[in-house]
């Protein structure tokens, strides 16, 4: 399956390819993670404030040590599945849900079962708790 479209990665095609085959996902992660780690380090070294990184596989990538605080944002399984169904097929949803069920340490937990507006309020509250 060709994943390039006019010189850019077609994210839908890439998603379909890697979520159908775990070996393909492993290959992609081995390519992306070293680059991603370097980019996060560069960003953090230049930042003059808070740096936020969304990382579903933060621990699997070995990146947890780069951060002072880790925020877990989670929703009930039913809510997550409903949101994913708008974008993905059943196989991809099952693989993502499996990844999301892993439990790792975190400093703050945000429940995201509600509206985007409610999520924003909860995120602001989390950041306020981290102010020194």
Protein backbone atom coordinates (compact mmCIF):
# COMPACT_ATOMS: atom_id res chain seq x y z
CA UNK A 1 0.00 0.00 0.00
CA UNK A 2 1.46 3.32 -1.07
CA UNK A 3 1.28 5.88 1.74
CA UNK A 4 2.64 8.90 -0.11
CA UNK A 5 0.28 11.34 -1.77
CA UNK A 6 1.85 14.22 -3.71
CA UNK A 7 5.10 13.95 -1.74
CA UNK A 8 3.42 13.90 1.69
CA UNK A 9 2.40 11.05 3.96
CA UNK A 10 -1.28 10.22 3.70
CA UNK A 11 -2.04 9.71 7.37
CA UNK A 12 -5.20 7.68 6.70
CA UNK A 13 -3.32 5.21 4.52
CA UNK A 14 -0.45 5.01 6.99
CA UNK A 15 -2.87 4.40 9.86
CA UNK A 16 -4.62 1.62 7.95
CA UNK A 17 -1.29 -0.02 7.13
CA UNK A 18 0.26 0.01 10.60
CA UNK A 19 -2.88 -0.92 12.51
CA UNK A 20 -3.45 -3.97 10.32
CA UNK A 21 0.03 -5.32 10.97
CA UNK A 22 1.89 -5.04 14.29
CA UNK A 23 5.24 -5.61 12.55
CA UNK A 24 4.59 -2.57 10.37
CA UNK A 25 3.78 -0.52 13.49
CA UNK A 26 7.00 -1.71 15.14
CA UNK A 27 9.01 -0.66 12.07
CA UNK A 28 7.34 2.76 12.02
CA UNK A 29 8.03 3.29 15.73
CA UNK A 30 11.71 2.35 15.31
CA UNK A 31 11.97 4.98 12.58
CA UNK A 32 9.98 7.73 14.29
CA UNK A 33 10.91 7.48 17.98
CA UNK A 34 14.61 8.44 17.76
CA UNK A 35 13.71 11.48 15.64
CA UNK A 36 10.83 12.38 17.96
CA UNK A 37 13.04 12.15 21.05
CA UNK A 38 15.56 14.56 19.51
CA UNK A 39 12.82 16.99 18.50
CA UNK A 40 11.33 16.97 22.01
CA UNK A 41 14.77 17.63 23.52
CA UNK A 42 15.38 20.54 21.12
CA UNK A 43 11.96 22.03 21.80
CA UNK A 44 12.40 21.77 25.56
CA UNK A 45 15.89 23.33 25.46
CA UNK A 46 14.59 26.38 23.54
CA UNK A 47 11.34 26.79 25.46
CA UNK A 48 10.86 29.62 27.91
CA UNK A 49 7.80 28.13 29.54
CA UNK A 50 5.70 25.03 29.61
CA UNK A 51 6.10 22.43 26.86
CA UNK A 52 3.21 20.07 26.23
CA UNK A 53 3.70 16.84 24.29
CA UNK A 54 0.91 14.43 23.45
CA UNK A 55 2.34 10.93 23.53
CA UNK A 56 0.16 7.84 23.63
CA UNK A 57 3.19 5.58 23.97
CA UNK A 58 5.33 7.83 26.16
CA UNK A 59 6.62 4.97 28.34
CA UNK A 60 7.03 2.49 25.49
CA UNK A 61 9.20 5.07 23.69
CA UNK A 62 11.29 5.61 26.83
CA UNK A 63 10.47 9.32 26.86
CA UNK A 64 8.97 9.64 30.34
CA UNK A 65 12.34 10.73 31.75
CA UNK A 66 12.22 13.90 29.60
CA UNK A 67 9.29 15.37 31.53
CA UNK A 68 8.81 16.99 34.92
CA UNK A 69 5.10 16.19 35.03
CA UNK A 70 2.98 13.61 33.28
CA UNK A 71 -0.74 14.19 32.80
CA UNK A 72 -2.98 11.26 31.99
CA UNK A 73 -6.05 12.21 29.99
CA UNK A 74 -8.53 9.38 29.81
CA UNK A 75 -12.16 8.67 29.09
CA UNK A 76 -14.47 5.75 29.68
CA UNK A 77 -14.04 2.91 27.18
CA UNK A 78 -17.48 3.56 25.69
CA UNK A 79 -16.67 7.25 25.12
CA UNK A 80 -13.27 6.48 23.54
CA UNK A 81 -14.76 3.87 21.21
CA UNK A 82 -17.49 6.25 20.12
CA UNK A 83 -14.98 8.98 19.29
CA UNK A 84 -12.70 6.60 17.40
CA UNK A 85 -15.56 5.20 15.30
CA UNK A 86 -15.83 8.57 13.59
CA UNK A 87 -12.33 8.13 12.13
CA UNK A 88 -11.22 4.50 12.15
CA UNK A 89 -12.20 0.93 11.37
CA UNK A 90 -12.82 -1.74 14.01
CA UNK A 91 -9.32 -3.28 13.82
CA UNK A 92 -7.62 0.07 14.36
CA UNK A 93 -10.01 0.89 17.21
CA UNK A 94 -9.25 -2.39 18.98
CA UNK A 95 -5.48 -1.86 18.70
CA UNK A 96 -5.70 1.72 19.96
CA UNK A 97 -7.97 0.72 22.84
CA UNK A 98 -5.47 -1.99 23.84
CA UNK A 99 -2.65 0.57 23.92
CA UNK A 100 -4.80 2.97 25.93
CA UNK A 101 -5.49 0.35 28.62
CA UNK A 102 -1.87 0.25 29.74
CA UNK A 103 -1.33 1.74 33.18
CA UNK A 104 1.71 3.87 33.92
CA UNK A 105 2.54 6.41 36.64
CA UNK A 106 1.24 9.95 36.23
CA UNK A 107 1.21 13.18 38.23
CA UNK A 108 -2.27 14.36 37.34
CA UNK A 109 -5.34 12.68 35.86
CA UNK A 110 -7.94 14.40 33.71
CA UNK A 111 -11.23 12.69 32.91
CA UNK A 112 -12.36 13.45 29.36
CA UNK A 113 -15.86 12.01 29.26
CA UNK A 114 -17.48 15.35 28.59
CA UNK A 115 -17.48 18.23 26.11
CA UNK A 116 -14.43 19.96 24.65
CA UNK A 117 -15.28 23.02 26.78
CA UNK A 118 -15.25 20.89 29.95
CA UNK A 119 -11.93 19.33 28.91
CA UNK A 120 -10.42 22.80 28.48
CA UNK A 121 -11.52 23.75 32.01
CA UNK A 122 -9.95 20.58 33.42
CA UNK A 123 -6.70 21.13 31.52
CA UNK A 124 -6.45 24.71 32.84
CA UNK A 125 -7.00 23.41 36.37
CA UNK A 126 -4.20 20.88 35.91
CA UNK A 127 -1.77 23.54 34.68
CA UNK A 128 -2.66 25.83 37.56
CA UNK A 129 -1.78 23.05 39.98
CA UNK A 130 1.72 22.81 38.47
CA UNK A 131 2.59 26.51 38.83
CA UNK A 132 5.56 27.10 41.07
